[in-house]
Amino acid sequence: MKKTLIALAALAATGAFAQSSVQIDGVMDAGFLSADYKGTRVSGIANNGSSTSQINFRGTEDLGGGLKATFRVETDWNTVSNNGNTGAKKADGTVAAASTFGNGEIRVGLAGGFGSIDAGVVNYNTLGSFLTGQPFSTGIGSGFRATAVNDAQTVSNVRSDNSVKYVSPNFSGFTVSLYNANKQTKSGTAAATDTNFSTTFGAYDMQGTKEVGVNYANGPIAASFSNLKQDYTGTGTGVGATESTVNTLGANYTMGAVKLFVLNQTNKTNTNSVNNKYTTVSAAYTMGATTVMAQAGTLKNVLGQKSDLVALGADYALSKRTAVYARYESIDDKAGVAAITGYTAVNGETTRTRTAIGVRHAF
């Protein structure tokens, strides 16, 4: 539930009153996790079993005539590790992954009868397509950043620096989105360091990104398609001197207490070094305070190798904002796409499994 922190009326230059507000909302998610990372077993208290823990500052100002100014500052944090939020050195001397302020979507823009336009570090429409096509959000069971990707990078980012995104008005349930982030390259060779390069643009050695999205939501049907193209040529980061295309289609249909989903994604480089095809089907069934979910799917790579996903989940709502959950995910990763960063696979082991029980609170 969103809580308004500030609500005030300011006298505009025309003598009219403009209403502005700043709000805070977010999610806290933590619980017990047991994982088998291809033969390496670990367990303990972990975060984000069912969703991404975050805090958002959002603002809007009514400028009159149907025009509004809006902004969002998102921070994703680790709910079970202070080091994970500060980036402080651990006992072994390594640095924990930092969850610094403003590490999520950051955008400011205008909205009105023309639609909306935002600039900053704006989320891809591809993320929305992925969420439309399966019921597990980005948590365990979704295949997020494993069998499914959000861009061509191995970390599967959901947004780009230095980006601008336009979303059209809603026409009978349809909207169209256009996304662009200009490629920023170092002078000289891609691997060279140019100390004279201005850091005005923030990320000065990054891929170029263009995306077109088409979304539909009306009645029991929701569908989203995204065509994401990225150009890494001439940059020293990411997947090398390639151009990549990720097409994502997600759809769902609600029939009373049952919701059916389908997700289809292709991820291909112009050199054919990557050519993955991924499809899942899933369903969710709600009975009172309980929702149960299941998903199954397969990724096939350019060599014909397959990674099979099976996932189960259940939520029990304690209130409108708080739920306890259970999640199970198994990926038989013969195609080698499921990351096990920080762990070494046992020779011959290809299966990654994760089981979580936790609490999720939205505020």
Protein backbone atom coordinates (compact mmCIF):
# COMPACT_ATOMS: atom_id res chain seq x y z
CA MET A 1 0.00 0.00 0.00
CA LYS A 2 1.46 3.28 -1.05
CA LYS A 3 1.74 6.00 1.56
CA THR A 4 1.80 9.66 0.64
CA LEU A 5 4.64 11.43 2.39
CA ILE A 6 4.14 14.91 1.06
CA ALA A 7 1.08 16.52 -0.46
CA LEU A 8 1.08 20.26 -1.13
CA ALA A 9 -0.43 22.89 -3.38
CA ALA A 10 1.92 25.35 -5.10
CA LEU A 11 0.87 28.54 -6.78
CA ALA A 12 1.86 28.35 -10.45
CA ALA A 13 3.00 31.34 -12.47
CA THR A 14 -0.42 31.51 -14.14
CA GLY A 15 -2.14 31.82 -10.80
CA ALA A 16 -3.55 28.27 -10.96
CA PHE A 17 -2.81 25.61 -8.32
CA ALA A 18 -0.71 22.58 -9.21
CA GLN A 19 -0.90 19.49 -7.01
CA SER A 20 2.33 17.59 -6.33
CA SER A 21 3.10 14.57 -4.19
CA VAL A 22 5.94 12.25 -3.28
CA GLN A 23 5.23 8.66 -2.27
CA ILE A 24 7.17 5.75 -0.85
CA ASP A 25 6.41 2.08 -1.50
CA GLY A 26 8.30 -1.17 -1.68
CA VAL A 27 8.70 -4.85 -0.83
CA MET A 28 10.52 -6.83 1.86
CA ASP A 29 11.17 -10.51 1.10
CA ALA A 30 13.23 -12.94 3.20
CA GLY A 31 13.18 -16.59 4.28
CA PHE A 32 14.96 -19.94 4.26
CA LEU A 33 16.68 -21.14 1.09
CA SER A 34 18.13 -24.55 0.30
CA ALA A 35 20.03 -24.78 -2.97
CA ASP A 36 21.97 -27.38 -4.91
CA TYR A 37 24.18 -25.56 -7.40
CA LYS A 38 25.02 -28.48 -9.68
CA GLY A 39 26.36 -30.64 -6.86
CA THR A 40 27.40 -27.88 -4.41
CA ARG A 41 24.80 -27.66 -1.64
CA VAL A 42 24.18 -24.57 0.50
CA SER A 43 21.37 -23.45 2.80
CA GLY A 44 20.48 -20.58 5.11
CA ILE A 45 18.48 -17.38 5.38
CA ALA A 46 18.29 -15.57 2.06
CA ASN A 47 16.28 -12.83 0.36
CA ASN A 48 14.11 -12.47 -2.72
CA GLY A 49 12.66 -15.96 -2.84
CA SER A 50 9.47 -14.68 -4.45
CA SER A 51 10.16 -11.06 -5.47
CA THR A 52 12.77 -8.29 -5.49
CA SER A 53 13.11 -6.43 -2.18
CA GLN A 54 13.10 -2.72 -2.91
CA ILE A 55 12.10 0.76 -1.87
CA ASN A 56 10.70 3.30 -4.33
CA PHE A 57 10.37 7.05 -4.18
CA ARG A 58 7.81 8.22 -6.71
CA GLY A 59 6.58 11.69 -7.45
CA THR A 60 3.99 13.40 -9.60
CA GLU A 61 2.92 16.96 -10.23
CA ASP A 62 -0.26 18.00 -12.02
CA LEU A 63 0.83 20.71 -14.45
CA GLY A 64 -2.69 21.34 -15.72
CA GLY A 65 -4.31 20.62 -19.04
CA GLY A 66 -3.86 16.88 -18.54
CA LEU A 67 -0.06 17.19 -18.34
CA LYS A 68 1.89 15.66 -15.43
CA ALA A 69 5.53 15.50 -14.39
CA THR A 70 6.62 12.18 -12.84
CA PHE A 71 9.73 10.54 -11.41
CA ARG A 72 10.85 7.27 -9.80
CA VAL A 73 13.98 6.37 -7.82
CA GLU A 74 14.20 2.61 -7.11
CA THR A 75 16.65 0.98 -4.72
CA ASP A 76 16.95 -2.82 -4.56
CA TRP A 77 18.57 -4.09 -1.38
CA ASN A 78 19.71 -7.26 0.32
CA THR A 79 17.36 -7.90 3.25
CA VAL A 80 19.66 -10.39 5.00
CA SER A 81 23.18 -8.89 4.69
CA ASN A 82 24.49 -5.51 5.79
CA ASN A 83 27.67 -6.14 3.79
CA GLY A 84 25.49 -6.78 0.77
CA ASN A 85 24.15 -3.24 1.10
CA THR A 86 27.37 -1.40 1.91
CA GLY A 87 29.83 -3.19 -0.33
CA ALA A 88 32.12 -3.60 2.70
CA LYS A 89 34.90 -6.16 2.58
CA LYS A 90 34.08 -9.60 3.92
CA ALA A 91 36.36 -11.71 6.12
CA ASP A 92 38.04 -13.26 3.08
CA GLY A 93 38.91 -9.82 1.72
CA THR A 94 36.44 -9.83 -1.14
CA VAL A 95 33.83 -7.12 -1.55
CA ALA A 96 30.16 -8.01 -1.26
CA ALA A 97 27.84 -7.00 -4.08
CA ALA A 98 26.64 -3.55 -3.09
CA SER A 99 22.98 -2.56 -3.07
CA THR A 100 23.62 1.15 -3.19
CA PHE A 101 20.95 3.84 -3.22
CA GLY A 102 19.32 4.32 -6.62
CA ASN A 103 20.65 1.07 -8.12
CA GLY A 104 17.30 0.27 -9.80
CA GLU A 105 15.14 2.21 -12.22
CA ILE A 106 15.73 5.98 -12.17
CA ARG A 107 13.57 8.12 -14.42
CA VAL A 108 11.95 11.51 -14.81
CA GLY A 109 9.47 12.51 -17.46
CA LEU A 110 6.17 13.90 -18.63
CA ALA A 111 2.80 12.22 -19.18
CA GLY A 112 -0.35 13.45 -20.86
CA GLY A 113 -2.66 12.90 -23.79
CA PHE A 114 0.36 12.12 -25.98
CA GLY A 115 1.33 9.19 -23.74
CA SER A 116 4.47 9.36 -21.60
CA ILE A 117 8.18 9.95 -22.11
CA ASP A 118 10.86 9.19 -19.51
CA ALA A 119 14.63 9.61 -19.44
CA GLY A 120 17.29 8.19 -17.13
CA VAL A 121 17.89 4.50 -16.43
CA VAL A 122 14.51 3.25 -17.63
CA ASN A 123 13.19 -0.33 -17.53
CA TYR A 124 12.92 -2.26 -20.79
CA ASN A 125 9.50 -3.29 -22.04
CA THR A 126 11.10 -6.76 -22.21
CA LEU A 127 10.83 -6.99 -18.42
CA GLY A 128 7.07 -6.43 -18.67
CA SER A 129 6.77 -9.06 -21.40
CA PHE A 130 8.58 -11.57 -19.18
CA LEU A 131 6.34 -10.81 -16.19
CA THR A 132 3.23 -11.12 -18.38
CA GLY A 133 4.23 -14.62 -19.51
CA GLN A 134 4.63 -16.41 -16.16
CA PRO A 135 3.32 -16.09 -12.55
CA PHE A 136 6.58 -16.32 -10.54
CA SER A 137 7.63 -12.65 -10.90
CA THR A 138 11.47 -12.55 -10.87
CA GLY A 139 11.79 -14.97 -7.93
CA ILE A 140 12.54 -18.67 -7.65
CA GLY A 141 10.52 -20.61 -10.21
CA SER A 142 10.59 -17.88 -12.85
CA GLY A 143 13.82 -18.85 -14.61
CA PHE A 144 14.83 -15.19 -14.38
CA ARG A 145 18.48 -14.62 -15.38
CA ALA A 146 18.88 -18.32 -16.11
CA THR A 147 16.73 -19.87 -18.82
CA ALA A 148 15.13 -16.45 -19.52
CA VAL A 149 17.07 -13.23 -20.14
CA ASN A 150 16.22 -9.55 -20.34
CA ASP A 151 19.08 -8.55 -22.61
CA ALA A 152 22.11 -10.08 -24.27
CA GLN A 153 24.46 -9.55 -21.32
CA THR A 154 25.24 -12.52 -19.10
CA VAL A 155 23.88 -10.63 -16.07
CA SER A 156 20.62 -10.00 -17.97
CA ASN A 157 20.07 -6.36 -17.07
CA VAL A 158 16.49 -5.08 -17.12
CA ARG A 159 17.40 -1.49 -18.08
CA SER A 160 20.13 0.62 -19.69
CA ASP A 161 21.97 3.75 -18.65
CA ASN A 162 21.46 6.93 -20.67
CA SER A 163 18.07 5.77 -21.96
CA VAL A 164 14.81 7.33 -23.08
CA LYS A 165 11.45 5.53 -23.40
CA TYR A 166 8.19 6.61 -25.00
CA VAL A 167 4.86 4.87 -24.30
CA SER A 168 1.83 5.69 -26.44
CA PRO A 169 -1.68 6.43 -25.15
CA ASN A 170 -3.92 3.43 -24.56
CA PHE A 171 -6.02 2.55 -27.60
CA SER A 172 -8.68 -0.04 -26.64
CA GLY A 173 -6.14 -1.88 -24.49
CA PHE A 174 -3.14 -1.46 -26.85
CA THR A 175 -0.01 0.54 -26.08
CA VAL A 176 3.26 0.82 -28.00
CA SER A 177 6.66 1.59 -26.47
CA LEU A 178 9.85 2.87 -28.10
CA TYR A 179 13.22 2.72 -26.30
CA ASN A 180 16.67 4.05 -27.14
CA ALA A 181 20.10 4.26 -25.48
CA ASN A 182 22.95 5.52 -27.65
CA LYS A 183 26.12 3.46 -27.82
CA GLN A 184 29.04 5.10 -25.98
CA THR A 185 32.51 3.94 -27.07
CA LYS A 186 36.05 4.77 -26.02
CA SER A 187 38.27 6.33 -28.63
CA GLY A 188 40.97 4.10 -30.10
CA THR A 189 40.73 0.37 -29.55
CA ALA A 190 37.84 -1.07 -27.57
CA ALA A 191 40.13 -2.27 -24.80
CA ALA A 192 42.05 1.01 -24.49
CA THR A 193 41.44 3.45 -21.66
CA ASP A 194 40.85 7.03 -22.77
CA THR A 195 41.43 9.24 -19.74
CA ASN A 196 40.27 12.29 -21.69
CA PHE A 197 36.80 10.90 -22.28
CA SER A 198 34.12 12.95 -20.51
CA THR A 199 32.07 11.05 -17.93
CA THR A 200 29.10 13.36 -18.52
CA PHE A 201 27.13 10.46 -19.97
CA GLY A 202 27.74 8.23 -16.96
CA ALA A 203 28.47 4.94 -18.72
CA TYR A 204 31.01 5.80 -21.43
CA ASP A 205 31.69 2.27 -22.69
CA MET A 206 28.30 0.68 -23.19
CA GLN A 207 26.24 -1.01 -25.85
CA GLY A 208 23.62 0.74 -27.95
CA THR A 209 20.06 -0.40 -27.27
CA LYS A 210 16.87 -0.06 -29.27
CA GLU A 211 13.55 -1.67 -28.35
CA VAL A 212 10.01 -1.76 -29.69
CA GLY A 213 7.23 -3.09 -27.48
CA VAL A 214 3.54 -3.79 -28.11
CA ASN A 215 1.28 -4.45 -25.13
CA TYR A 216 -2.37 -5.42 -24.78
CA ALA A 217 -4.49 -5.68 -21.65
CA ASN A 218 -8.26 -5.79 -21.86
CA GLY A 219 -10.65 -8.03 -19.97
CA PRO A 220 -9.31 -11.53 -19.30
CA ILE A 221 -6.46 -11.25 -21.84
CA ALA A 222 -3.02 -9.68 -21.40
CA ALA A 223 -0.18 -9.95 -23.89
CA SER A 224 3.16 -8.23 -24.41
CA PHE A 225 5.77 -8.50 -27.18
CA SER A 226 9.22 -6.89 -27.11
CA ASN A 227 11.91 -6.71 -29.78
CA LEU A 228 15.20 -5.69 -28.12
CA LYS A 229 18.28 -5.04 -30.27
CA GLN A 230 21.72 -4.34 -28.80
CA ASP A 231 24.94 -3.34 -30.54
CA TYR A 232 28.19 -4.18 -28.72
CA THR A 233 30.56 -3.56 -31.64
CA GLY A 234 33.38 -1.19 -30.72
CA THR A 235 32.83 -1.51 -26.97
CA GLY A 236 35.04 -3.24 -24.45
CA THR A 237 32.27 -4.64 -22.27
CA GLY A 238 29.42 -7.10 -22.48
CA VAL A 239 29.35 -9.92 -25.02
CA GLY A 240 32.06 -8.59 -27.34
CA ALA A 241 31.87 -7.32 -30.89
CA THR A 242 28.42 -8.65 -31.68
CA GLU A 243 24.90 -7.45 -32.32
CA SER A 244 22.17 -9.23 -30.38
CA THR A 245 18.40 -9.54 -30.73
CA VAL A 246 16.11 -10.72 -27.93
CA ASN A 247 12.43 -11.26 -28.82
CA THR A 248 10.08 -11.91 -25.90
CA LEU A 249 6.38 -12.75 -26.04
CA GLY A 250 4.36 -13.18 -22.85
CA ALA A 251 0.62 -13.72 -22.56
CA ASN A 252 -1.94 -14.79 -19.99
CA TYR A 253 -5.66 -15.53 -19.88
CA THR A 254 -7.86 -15.43 -16.78
CA MET A 255 -10.77 -17.85 -16.37
CA GLY A 256 -12.31 -17.27 -12.96
CA ALA A 257 -9.88 -18.63 -10.37
CA VAL A 258 -7.49 -20.00 -13.02
CA LYS A 259 -4.87 -17.99 -14.90
CA LEU A 260 -3.00 -19.58 -17.82
CA PHE A 261 0.36 -18.28 -19.10
CA VAL A 262 2.71 -18.77 -22.04
CA LEU A 263 6.21 -17.36 -22.50
CA ASN A 264 8.30 -17.56 -25.65
CA GLN A 265 11.74 -16.03 -26.12
CA THR A 266 14.51 -16.11 -28.70
CA ASN A 267 18.02 -14.76 -28.04
CA LYS A 268 20.40 -14.57 -31.03
CA THR A 269 23.65 -12.83 -32.01
CA ASN A 270 24.55 -11.81 -35.54
CA THR A 271 27.54 -14.20 -35.39
CA ASN A 272 25.27 -17.09 -34.28
CA SER A 273 27.49 -17.56 -31.20
CA VAL A 274 24.21 -17.50 -29.27
CA ASN A 275 20.96 -18.81 -30.72
CA ASN A 276 18.63 -19.85 -27.90
CA LYS A 277 14.94 -20.66 -28.14
CA TYR A 278 12.92 -20.85 -24.92
CA THR A 279 9.25 -21.66 -24.26
CA THR A 280 7.29 -22.26 -21.05
CA VAL A 281 3.68 -22.84 -20.09
CA SER A 282 2.37 -22.17 -16.60
CA ALA A 283 -0.77 -21.72 -14.53
CA ALA A 284 -1.94 -20.18 -11.28
CA TYR A 285 -5.02 -21.14 -9.29
CA THR A 286 -6.44 -19.02 -6.46
CA MET A 287 -8.75 -20.42 -3.80
CA GLY A 288 -9.46 -17.98 -1.01
CA ALA A 289 -6.19 -16.79 0.50
CA THR A 290 -4.14 -19.49 -1.24
CA THR A 291 -2.59 -19.28 -4.71
CA VAL A 292 -0.75 -22.25 -6.22
CA MET A 293 1.49 -22.00 -9.30
CA ALA A 294 3.29 -24.34 -11.66
CA GLN A 295 5.56 -23.84 -14.68
CA ALA A 296 7.42 -26.08 -17.13
CA GLY A 297 9.54 -25.23 -20.14
CA THR A 298 12.61 -25.91 -22.26
CA LEU A 299 15.48 -23.87 -23.68
CA LYS A 300 17.32 -25.17 -26.73
CA ASN A 301 20.67 -23.68 -27.77
CA VAL A 302 22.50 -23.48 -31.10
CA LEU A 303 24.14 -26.87 -30.48
CA GLY A 304 20.80 -28.56 -29.85
CA GLN A 305 21.47 -28.90 -26.12
CA LYS A 306 18.48 -28.40 -23.81
CA SER A 307 17.85 -26.95 -20.36
CA ASP A 308 14.54 -28.00 -18.81
CA LEU A 309 12.76 -25.92 -16.16
CA VAL A 310 10.18 -27.25 -13.67
CA ALA A 311 8.78 -24.95 -10.97
CA LEU A 312 6.14 -25.07 -8.24
CA GLY A 313 4.96 -22.34 -5.88
CA ALA A 314 2.34 -21.41 -3.32
CA ASP A 315 1.34 -18.15 -1.60
CA TYR A 316 -0.89 -17.78 1.45
CA ALA A 317 -2.13 -14.22 1.96
CA LEU A 318 -2.16 -13.13 5.61
CA SER A 319 -3.48 -9.72 4.54
CA LYS A 320 -3.63 -7.60 1.41
CA ARG A 321 0.06 -6.73 1.87
CA THR A 322 1.64 -9.75 3.61
CA ALA A 323 1.99 -13.35 2.47
CA VAL A 324 3.97 -16.46 3.34
CA TYR A 325 5.27 -18.40 0.36
CA ALA A 326 6.98 -21.59 -0.79
CA ARG A 327 8.94 -21.95 -4.03
CA TYR A 328 10.68 -24.84 -5.78
CA GLU A 329 12.68 -24.67 -9.01
CA SER A 330 14.70 -27.29 -10.86
CA ILE A 331 16.75 -26.60 -13.99
CA ASP A 332 18.38 -29.56 -15.72
CA ASP A 333 20.94 -27.34 -17.40
CA LYS A 334 22.51 -29.39 -20.18
CA ALA A 335 22.67 -26.20 -22.30
CA GLY A 336 24.76 -24.49 -19.62
CA VAL A 337 22.73 -21.31 -19.22
CA ALA A 338 21.90 -21.35 -15.49
CA ALA A 339 24.47 -19.29 -13.59
CA ILE A 340 26.18 -20.64 -10.45
CA THR A 341 28.35 -17.60 -9.72
CA GLY A 342 30.60 -18.22 -6.72
CA TYR A 343 30.13 -22.00 -6.79
CA THR A 344 31.92 -24.78 -8.65
CA ALA A 345 29.82 -27.44 -10.32
CA VAL A 346 30.65 -31.03 -9.41
CA ASN A 347 31.97 -32.88 -12.45
CA GLY A 348 29.08 -34.29 -14.44
CA GLU A 349 26.35 -32.46 -12.49
CA THR A 350 24.00 -30.31 -14.59
CA THR A 351 20.98 -29.77 -12.34
CA ARG A 352 20.42 -26.62 -10.29
CA THR A 353 17.62 -26.80 -7.71
CA ARG A 354 16.38 -24.17 -5.26
CA THR A 355 13.70 -24.42 -2.54
CA ALA A 356 12.56 -21.40 -0.48
CA ILE A 357 10.06 -20.71 2.31
CA GLY A 358 9.63 -17.09 3.33
CA VAL A 359 7.61 -13.98 4.09
CA ARG A 360 6.83 -11.16 1.66
CA HIS A 361 5.51 -7.79 2.82
CA ALA A 362 4.50 -4.95 0.51
CA PHE A 363 4.23 -1.41 1.86
